[in-house]
Amino acid sequence: TKASFELLANEKSINFIGNVEARDILSGVADV
C-alpha cells in the first residue's frame, strides 16, 4: 500500500485523495 500510494499520488490523470479506512467506505468519502 505504501508503494501504491506513491504511484497513485504521482498519477496526473486521476484525482487521488489519499488513504481511506474500511469504516468510511460506505459514507461517500470517495467515488473510487
PDB file of all heavy atoms in Angstrom:
ATOM      1  N   THR A   1       0.814  -1.211   0.000  1.00  0.00           N
ATOM      2  CA  THR A   1       0.000   0.000   0.000  1.00  0.00           C
ATOM      3  C   THR A   1       0.853   1.270   0.000  1.00  0.00           C
ATOM      4  O   THR A   1       0.479   2.274  -0.614  1.00  0.00           O
ATOM      5  CB  THR A   1      -0.963   0.018   1.205  1.00  0.00           C
ATOM      6  OG1 THR A   1      -0.215  -0.166   2.415  1.00  0.00           O
ATOM      7  CG2 THR A   1      -2.005  -1.073   1.079  1.00  0.00           C
ATOM      8  N   LYS A   2       2.004   1.234   0.647  1.00  0.00           N
ATOM      9  CA  LYS A   2       2.887   2.401   0.627  1.00  0.00           C
ATOM     10  C   LYS A   2       3.403   2.690  -0.781  1.00  0.00           C
ATOM     11  O   LYS A   2       3.424   3.840  -1.229  1.00  0.00           O
ATOM     12  CB  LYS A   2       4.058   2.194   1.579  1.00  0.00           C
ATOM     13  CG  LYS A   2       3.680   2.240   3.058  1.00  0.00           C
ATOM     14  CD  LYS A   2       4.897   1.944   3.933  1.00  0.00           C
ATOM     15  CE  LYS A   2       4.512   1.908   5.406  1.00  0.00           C
ATOM     16  NZ  LYS A   2       5.671   1.560   6.267  1.00  0.00           N
ATOM     17  N   ALA A   3       3.813   1.632  -1.466  1.00  0.00           N
ATOM     18  CA  ALA A   3       4.302   1.802  -2.842  1.00  0.00           C
ATOM     19  C   ALA A   3       3.159   2.210  -3.767  1.00  0.00           C
ATOM     20  O   ALA A   3       3.342   3.040  -4.677  1.00  0.00           O
ATOM     21  CB  ALA A   3       4.953   0.509  -3.322  1.00  0.00           C
ATOM     22  N   SER A   4       1.979   1.650  -3.546  1.00  0.00           N
ATOM     23  CA  SER A   4       0.811   2.003  -4.357  1.00  0.00           C
ATOM     24  C   SER A   4       0.424   3.462  -4.132  1.00  0.00           C
ATOM     25  O   SER A   4       0.067   4.171  -5.086  1.00  0.00           O
ATOM     26  CB  SER A   4      -0.373   1.095  -4.010  1.00  0.00           C
ATOM     27  OG  SER A   4      -0.064  -0.257  -4.251  1.00  0.00           O
ATOM     28  N   PHE A   5       0.506   3.909  -2.875  1.00  0.00           N
ATOM     29  CA  PHE A   5       0.194   5.304  -2.545  1.00  0.00           C
ATOM     30  C   PHE A   5       1.080   6.248  -3.360  1.00  0.00           C
ATOM     31  O   PHE A   5       0.594   7.231  -3.935  1.00  0.00           O
ATOM     32  CB  PHE A   5       0.397   5.544  -1.050  1.00  0.00           C
ATOM     33  CG  PHE A   5       0.000   6.922  -0.591  1.00  0.00           C
ATOM     34  CD1 PHE A   5      -1.206   7.115   0.051  1.00  0.00           C
ATOM     35  CD2 PHE A   5       0.821   8.029  -0.799  1.00  0.00           C
ATOM     36  CE1 PHE A   5      -1.588   8.387   0.490  1.00  0.00           C
ATOM     37  CE2 PHE A   5       0.452   9.291  -0.383  1.00  0.00           C
ATOM     38  CZ  PHE A   5      -0.763   9.473   0.263  1.00  0.00           C
ATOM     39  N   GLU A   6       2.359   5.947  -3.410  1.00  0.00           N
ATOM     40  CA  GLU A   6       3.297   6.824  -4.126  1.00  0.00           C
ATOM     41  C   GLU A   6       2.959   6.901  -5.607  1.00  0.00           C
ATOM     42  O   GLU A   6       2.969   7.992  -6.203  1.00  0.00           O
ATOM     43  CB  GLU A   6       4.727   6.316  -3.933  1.00  0.00           C
ATOM     44  CG  GLU A   6       5.777   7.226  -4.562  1.00  0.00           C
ATOM     45  CD  GLU A   6       7.196   6.759  -4.286  1.00  0.00           C
ATOM     46  OE1 GLU A   6       7.373   5.796  -3.508  1.00  0.00           O
ATOM     47  OE2 GLU A   6       8.125   7.370  -4.825  1.00  0.00           O
ATOM     48  N   LEU A   7       2.648   5.756  -6.217  1.00  0.00           N
ATOM     49  CA  LEU A   7       2.305   5.740  -7.637  1.00  0.00           C
ATOM     50  C   LEU A   7       1.011   6.509  -7.898  1.00  0.00           C
ATOM     51  O   LEU A   7       0.930   7.294  -8.850  1.00  0.00           O
ATOM     52  CB  LEU A   7       2.166   4.300  -8.136  1.00  0.00           C
ATOM     53  CG  LEU A   7       3.438   3.466  -8.225  1.00  0.00           C
ATOM     54  CD1 LEU A   7       3.110   2.041  -8.681  1.00  0.00           C
ATOM     55  CD2 LEU A   7       4.444   4.105  -9.180  1.00  0.00           C
ATOM     56  N   LEU A   8      -0.004   6.279  -7.075  1.00  0.00           N
ATOM     57  CA  LEU A   8      -1.282   6.957  -7.255  1.00  0.00           C
ATOM     58  C   LEU A   8      -1.151   8.465  -7.045  1.00  0.00           C
ATOM     59  O   LEU A   8      -1.744   9.263  -7.778  1.00  0.00           O
ATOM     60  CB  LEU A   8      -2.314   6.382  -6.281  1.00  0.00           C
ATOM     61  CG  LEU A   8      -2.795   4.952  -6.570  1.00  0.00           C
ATOM     62  CD1 LEU A   8      -3.456   4.350  -5.340  1.00  0.00           C
ATOM     63  CD2 LEU A   8      -3.753   4.939  -7.749  1.00  0.00           C
ATOM     64  N   ALA A   9      -0.352   8.860  -6.058  1.00  0.00           N
ATOM     65  CA  ALA A   9      -0.165  10.286  -5.766  1.00  0.00           C
ATOM     66  C   ALA A   9       0.533  11.017  -6.896  1.00  0.00           C
ATOM     67  O   ALA A   9       0.320  12.226  -7.099  1.00  0.00           O
ATOM     68  CB  ALA A   9       0.623  10.444  -4.467  1.00  0.00           C
ATOM     69  N   ASN A  10       1.365  10.315  -7.658  1.00  0.00           N
ATOM     70  CA  ASN A  10       2.105  10.934  -8.760  1.00  0.00           C
ATOM     71  C   ASN A  10       1.411  10.789 -10.113  1.00  0.00           C
ATOM     72  O   ASN A  10       1.946  11.228 -11.133  1.00  0.00           O
ATOM     73  CB  ASN A  10       3.508  10.323  -8.848  1.00  0.00           C
ATOM     74  CG  ASN A  10       4.380  10.722  -7.670  1.00  0.00           C
ATOM     75  OD1 ASN A  10       4.334  11.863  -7.205  1.00  0.00           O
ATOM     76  ND2 ASN A  10       5.171   9.788  -7.160  1.00  0.00           N
ATOM     77  N   GLU A  11       0.228  10.164 -10.117  1.00  0.00           N
ATOM     78  CA  GLU A  11      -0.509   9.954 -11.365  1.00  0.00           C
ATOM     79  C   GLU A  11      -1.379  11.172 -11.671  1.00  0.00           C
ATOM     80  O   GLU A  11      -2.351  11.468 -10.972  1.00  0.00           O
ATOM     81  CB  GLU A  11      -1.379   8.691 -11.263  1.00  0.00           C
ATOM     82  CG  GLU A  11      -2.240   8.419 -12.464  1.00  0.00           C
ATOM     83  CD  GLU A  11      -1.454   8.322 -13.762  1.00  0.00           C
ATOM     84  OE1 GLU A  11      -0.421   7.620 -13.788  1.00  0.00           O
ATOM     85  OE2 GLU A  11      -1.874   8.973 -14.746  1.00  0.00           O
ATOM     86  N   LYS A  12      -1.026  11.910 -12.731  1.00  0.00           N
ATOM     87  CA  LYS A  12      -1.702  13.161 -13.043  1.00  0.00           C
ATOM     88  C   LYS A  12      -3.086  12.987 -13.657  1.00  0.00           C
ATOM     89  O   LYS A  12      -3.884  13.925 -13.690  1.00  0.00           O
ATOM     90  CB  LYS A  12      -0.830  13.993 -13.982  1.00  0.00           C
ATOM     91  CG  LYS A  12       0.494  14.430 -13.349  1.00  0.00           C
ATOM     92  CD  LYS A  12       1.333  15.238 -14.328  1.00  0.00           C
ATOM     93  CE  LYS A  12       2.651  15.669 -13.675  1.00  0.00           C
ATOM     94  NZ  LYS A  12       3.501  16.435 -14.619  1.00  0.00           N
ATOM     95  N   SER A  13      -3.395  11.764 -14.162  1.00  0.00           N
ATOM     96  CA  SER A  13      -4.667  11.572 -14.859  1.00  0.00           C
ATOM     97  C   SER A  13      -5.831  11.306 -13.909  1.00  0.00           C
ATOM     98  O   SER A  13      -6.983  11.223 -14.349  1.00  0.00           O
ATOM     99  CB  SER A  13      -4.553  10.404 -15.849  1.00  0.00           C
ATOM    100  OG  SER A  13      -4.452   9.162 -15.179  1.00  0.00           O
ATOM    101  N   ILE A  14      -5.559  11.168 -12.595  1.00  0.00           N
ATOM    102  CA  ILE A  14      -6.626  10.885 -11.639  1.00  0.00           C
ATOM    103  C   ILE A  14      -6.599  11.891 -10.489  1.00  0.00           C
ATOM    104  O   ILE A  14      -5.596  12.550 -10.244  1.00  0.00           O
ATOM    105  CB  ILE A  14      -6.530   9.451 -11.066  1.00  0.00           C
ATOM    106  CG1 ILE A  14      -5.227   9.268 -10.273  1.00  0.00           C
ATOM    107  CG2 ILE A  14      -6.651   8.415 -12.171  1.00  0.00           C
ATOM    108  CD1 ILE A  14      -5.125   7.937  -9.556  1.00  0.00           C
ATOM    109  N   ASN A  15      -7.714  11.971  -9.782  1.00  0.00           N
ATOM    110  CA  ASN A  15      -7.854  12.852  -8.621  1.00  0.00           C
ATOM    111  C   ASN A  15      -7.689  11.999  -7.366  1.00  0.00           C
ATOM    112  O   ASN A  15      -8.665  11.585  -6.737  1.00  0.00           O
ATOM    113  CB  ASN A  15      -9.229  13.534  -8.660  1.00  0.00           C
ATOM    114  CG  ASN A  15      -9.495  14.382  -7.432  1.00  0.00           C
ATOM    115  OD1 ASN A  15      -8.568  14.786  -6.724  1.00  0.00           O
ATOM    116  ND2 ASN A  15     -10.759  14.652  -7.168  1.00  0.00           N
ATOM    117  N   PHE A  16      -6.442  11.749  -6.996  1.00  0.00           N
ATOM    118  CA  PHE A  16      -6.160  10.880  -5.858  1.00  0.00           C
ATOM    119  C   PHE A  16      -6.263  11.674  -4.560  1.00  0.00           C
ATOM    120  O   PHE A  16      -5.625  12.708  -4.401  1.00  0.00           O
ATOM    121  CB  PHE A  16      -4.766  10.270  -5.993  1.00  0.00           C
ATOM    122  CG  PHE A  16      -4.384   9.346  -4.869  1.00  0.00           C
ATOM    123  CD1 PHE A  16      -5.154   8.229  -4.581  1.00  0.00           C
ATOM    124  CD2 PHE A  16      -3.255   9.592  -4.097  1.00  0.00           C
ATOM    125  CE1 PHE A  16      -4.807   7.377  -3.540  1.00  0.00           C
ATOM    126  CE2 PHE A  16      -2.888   8.737  -3.060  1.00  0.00           C
ATOM    127  CZ  PHE A  16      -3.677   7.631  -2.782  1.00  0.00           C
ATOM    128  N   ILE A  17      -7.070  11.174  -3.601  1.00  0.00           N
ATOM    129  CA  ILE A  17      -7.308  11.901  -2.356  1.00  0.00           C
ATOM    130  C   ILE A  17      -6.601  11.262  -1.157  1.00  0.00           C
ATOM    131  O   ILE A  17      -6.730  11.752  -0.035  1.00  0.00           O
ATOM    132  CB  ILE A  17      -8.813  12.018  -2.058  1.00  0.00           C
ATOM    133  CG1 ILE A  17      -9.438  10.628  -1.885  1.00  0.00           C
ATOM    134  CG2 ILE A  17      -9.517  12.812  -3.153  1.00  0.00           C
ATOM    135  CD1 ILE A  17     -10.854  10.664  -1.331  1.00  0.00           C
ATOM    136  N   GLY A  18      -5.861  10.152  -1.388  1.00  0.00           N
ATOM    137  CA  GLY A  18      -5.107   9.546  -0.301  1.00  0.00           C
ATOM    138  C   GLY A  18      -5.725   8.259   0.219  1.00  0.00           C
ATOM    139  O   GLY A  18      -6.557   7.629  -0.445  1.00  0.00           O
ATOM    140  N   ASN A  19      -5.309   7.865   1.411  1.00  0.00           N
ATOM    141  CA  ASN A  19      -5.782   6.625   2.023  1.00  0.00           C
ATOM    142  C   ASN A  19      -7.201   6.766   2.565  1.00  0.00           C
ATOM    143  O   ASN A  19      -7.612   7.832   3.025  1.00  0.00           O
ATOM    144  CB  ASN A  19      -4.857   6.212   3.170  1.00  0.00           C
ATOM    145  CG  ASN A  19      -3.499   5.745   2.671  1.00  0.00           C
ATOM    146  OD1 ASN A  19      -3.403   5.108   1.629  1.00  0.00           O
ATOM    147  ND2 ASN A  19      -2.450   6.046   3.421  1.00  0.00           N
ATOM    148  N   VAL A  20      -7.920   5.653   2.522  1.00  0.00           N
ATOM    149  CA  VAL A  20      -9.284   5.588   3.030  1.00  0.00           C
ATOM    150  C   VAL A  20      -9.396   4.358   3.929  1.00  0.00           C
ATOM    151  O   VAL A  20      -8.954   3.273   3.552  1.00  0.00           O
ATOM    152  CB  VAL A  20     -10.309   5.481   1.879  1.00  0.00           C
ATOM    153  CG1 VAL A  20     -11.705   5.216   2.414  1.00  0.00           C
ATOM    154  CG2 VAL A  20     -10.285   6.740   1.021  1.00  0.00           C
ATOM    155  N   GLU A  21      -9.989   4.532   5.111  1.00  0.00           N
ATOM    156  CA  GLU A  21     -10.169   3.401   6.013  1.00  0.00           C
ATOM    157  C   GLU A  21     -11.462   2.652   5.693  1.00  0.00           C
ATOM    158  O   GLU A  21     -12.434   3.242   5.207  1.00  0.00           O
ATOM    159  CB  GLU A  21     -10.196   3.879   7.462  1.00  0.00           C
ATOM    160  CG  GLU A  21      -8.867   4.452   7.920  1.00  0.00           C
ATOM    161  CD  GLU A  21      -8.860   4.726   9.413  1.00  0.00           C
ATOM    162  OE1 GLU A  21      -8.905   3.752  10.184  1.00  0.00           O
ATOM    163  OE2 GLU A  21      -8.805   5.910   9.789  1.00  0.00           O
ATOM    164  N   ALA A  22     -11.470   1.348   5.993  1.00  0.00           N
ATOM    165  CA  ALA A  22     -12.608   0.491   5.655  1.00  0.00           C
ATOM    166  C   ALA A  22     -13.903   0.982   6.292  1.00  0.00           C
ATOM    167  O   ALA A  22     -14.978   0.875   5.696  1.00  0.00           O
ATOM    168  CB  ALA A  22     -12.317  -0.945   6.078  1.00  0.00           C
ATOM    169  N   ARG A  23     -13.811   1.562   7.491  1.00  0.00           N
ATOM    170  CA  ARG A  23     -15.018   2.006   8.184  1.00  0.00           C
ATOM    171  C   ARG A  23     -15.703   3.172   7.483  1.00  0.00           C
ATOM    172  O   ARG A  23     -16.871   3.481   7.749  1.00  0.00           O
ATOM    173  CB  ARG A  23     -14.678   2.411   9.618  1.00  0.00           C
ATOM    174  CG  ARG A  23     -13.796   3.637   9.714  1.00  0.00           C
ATOM    175  CD  ARG A  23     -13.420   3.950  11.144  1.00  0.00           C
ATOM    176  NE  ARG A  23     -12.582   5.141  11.228  1.00  0.00           N
ATOM    177  CZ  ARG A  23     -12.032   5.575  12.357  1.00  0.00           C
ATOM    178  NH1 ARG A  23     -12.234   4.899  13.482  1.00  0.00           N
ATOM    179  NH2 ARG A  23     -11.274   6.656  12.351  1.00  0.00           N
ATOM    180  N   ASP A  24     -14.983   3.855   6.581  1.00  0.00           N
ATOM    181  CA  ASP A  24     -15.516   5.058   5.935  1.00  0.00           C
ATOM    182  C   ASP A  24     -16.004   4.828   4.503  1.00  0.00           C
ATOM    183  O   ASP A  24     -16.569   5.742   3.903  1.00  0.00           O
ATOM    184  CB  ASP A  24     -14.437   6.146   5.900  1.00  0.00           C
ATOM    185  CG  ASP A  24     -14.024   6.604   7.289  1.00  0.00           C
ATOM    186  OD1 ASP A  24     -14.900   6.645   8.169  1.00  0.00           O
ATOM    187  OD2 ASP A  24     -12.825   6.888   7.482  1.00  0.00           O
ATOM    188  N   ILE A  25     -15.807   3.628   3.962  1.00  0.00           N
ATOM    189  CA  ILE A  25     -16.044   3.474   2.519  1.00  0.00           C
ATOM    190  C   ILE A  25     -17.513   3.600   2.129  1.00  0.00           C
ATOM    191  O   ILE A  25     -17.818   3.974   0.994  1.00  0.00           O
ATOM    192  CB  ILE A  25     -15.464   2.143   1.977  1.00  0.00           C
ATOM    193  CG1 ILE A  25     -16.134   0.934   2.627  1.00  0.00           C
ATOM    194  CG2 ILE A  25     -13.954   2.096   2.151  1.00  0.00           C
ATOM    195  CD1 ILE A  25     -15.645  -0.393   2.052  1.00  0.00           C
ATOM    196  N   LEU A  26     -18.439   3.333   3.057  1.00  0.00           N
ATOM    197  CA  LEU A  26     -19.862   3.445   2.735  1.00  0.00           C
ATOM    198  C   LEU A  26     -20.423   4.833   3.031  1.00  0.00           C
ATOM    199  O   LEU A  26     -21.617   5.069   2.849  1.00  0.00           O
ATOM    200  CB  LEU A  26     -20.670   2.397   3.502  1.00  0.00           C
ATOM    201  CG  LEU A  26     -20.340   0.927   3.221  1.00  0.00           C
ATOM    202  CD1 LEU A  26     -21.240   0.013   4.051  1.00  0.00           C
ATOM    203  CD2 LEU A  26     -20.482   0.601   1.747  1.00  0.00           C
ATOM    204  N   SER A  27     -19.567   5.743   3.450  1.00  0.00           N
ATOM    205  CA  SER A  27     -20.033   7.082   3.826  1.00  0.00           C
ATOM    206  C   SER A  27     -19.825   8.115   2.722  1.00  0.00           C
ATOM    207  O   SER A  27     -20.036   9.304   2.942  1.00  0.00           O
ATOM    208  CB  SER A  27     -19.323   7.548   5.100  1.00  0.00           C
ATOM    209  OG  SER A  27     -17.922   7.688   4.867  1.00  0.00           O
ATOM    210  N   GLY A  28     -19.394   7.662   1.542  1.00  0.00           N
ATOM    211  CA  GLY A  28     -19.229   8.584   0.417  1.00  0.00           C
ATOM    212  C   GLY A  28     -17.929   9.349   0.436  1.00  0.00           C
ATOM    213  O   GLY A  28     -17.819  10.404  -0.187  1.00  0.00           O
ATOM    214  N   VAL A  29     -16.917   8.822   1.118  1.00  0.00           N
ATOM    215  CA  VAL A  29     -15.637   9.521   1.239  1.00  0.00           C
ATOM    216  C   VAL A  29     -14.882   9.573  -0.085  1.00  0.00           C
ATOM    217  O   VAL A  29     -14.048  10.456  -0.300  1.00  0.00           O
ATOM    218  CB  VAL A  29     -14.766   8.864   2.325  1.00  0.00           C
ATOM    219  CG1 VAL A  29     -14.319   7.467   1.912  1.00  0.00           C
ATOM    220  CG2 VAL A  29     -13.577   9.736   2.693  1.00  0.00           C
ATOM    221  N   ALA A  30     -15.183   8.634  -1.017  1.00  0.00           N
ATOM    222  CA  ALA A  30     -14.519   8.608  -2.320  1.00  0.00           C
ATOM    223  C   ALA A  30     -15.483   8.064  -3.364  1.00  0.00           C
ATOM    224  O   ALA A  30     -16.444   7.362  -3.040  1.00  0.00           O
ATOM    225  CB  ALA A  30     -13.254   7.756  -2.263  1.00  0.00           C
ATOM    226  N   ASP A  31     -15.225   8.405  -4.620  1.00  0.00           N
ATOM    227  CA  ASP A  31     -16.034   7.893  -5.733  1.00  0.00           C
ATOM    228  C   ASP A  31     -15.470   6.592  -6.279  1.00  0.00           C
ATOM    229  O   ASP A  31     -16.193   5.805  -6.897  1.00  0.00           O
ATOM    230  CB  ASP A  31     -16.086   8.932  -6.858  1.00  0.00           C
ATOM    231  CG  ASP A  31     -16.597  10.271  -6.369  1.00  0.00           C
ATOM    232  OD1 ASP A  31     -17.714  10.299  -5.812  1.00  0.00           O
ATOM    233  OD2 ASP A  31     -15.873  11.279  -6.521  1.00  0.00           O
ATOM    234  N   VAL A  32     -14.179   6.376  -6.065  1.00  0.00           N
ATOM    235  CA  VAL A  32     -13.480   5.157  -6.479  1.00  0.00           C
ATOM    236  C   VAL A  32     -12.592   4.735  -5.320  1.00  0.00           C
ATOM    237  O   VAL A  32     -11.894   5.569  -4.735  1.00  0.00           O
ATOM    238  CB  VAL A  32     -12.610   5.402  -7.735  1.00  0.00           C
ATOM    239  CG1 VAL A  32     -11.697   4.215  -8.009  1.00  0.00           C
ATOM    240  CG2 VAL A  32     -13.478   5.706  -8.950  1.00  0.00           C
TER     241      VAL A  32
END
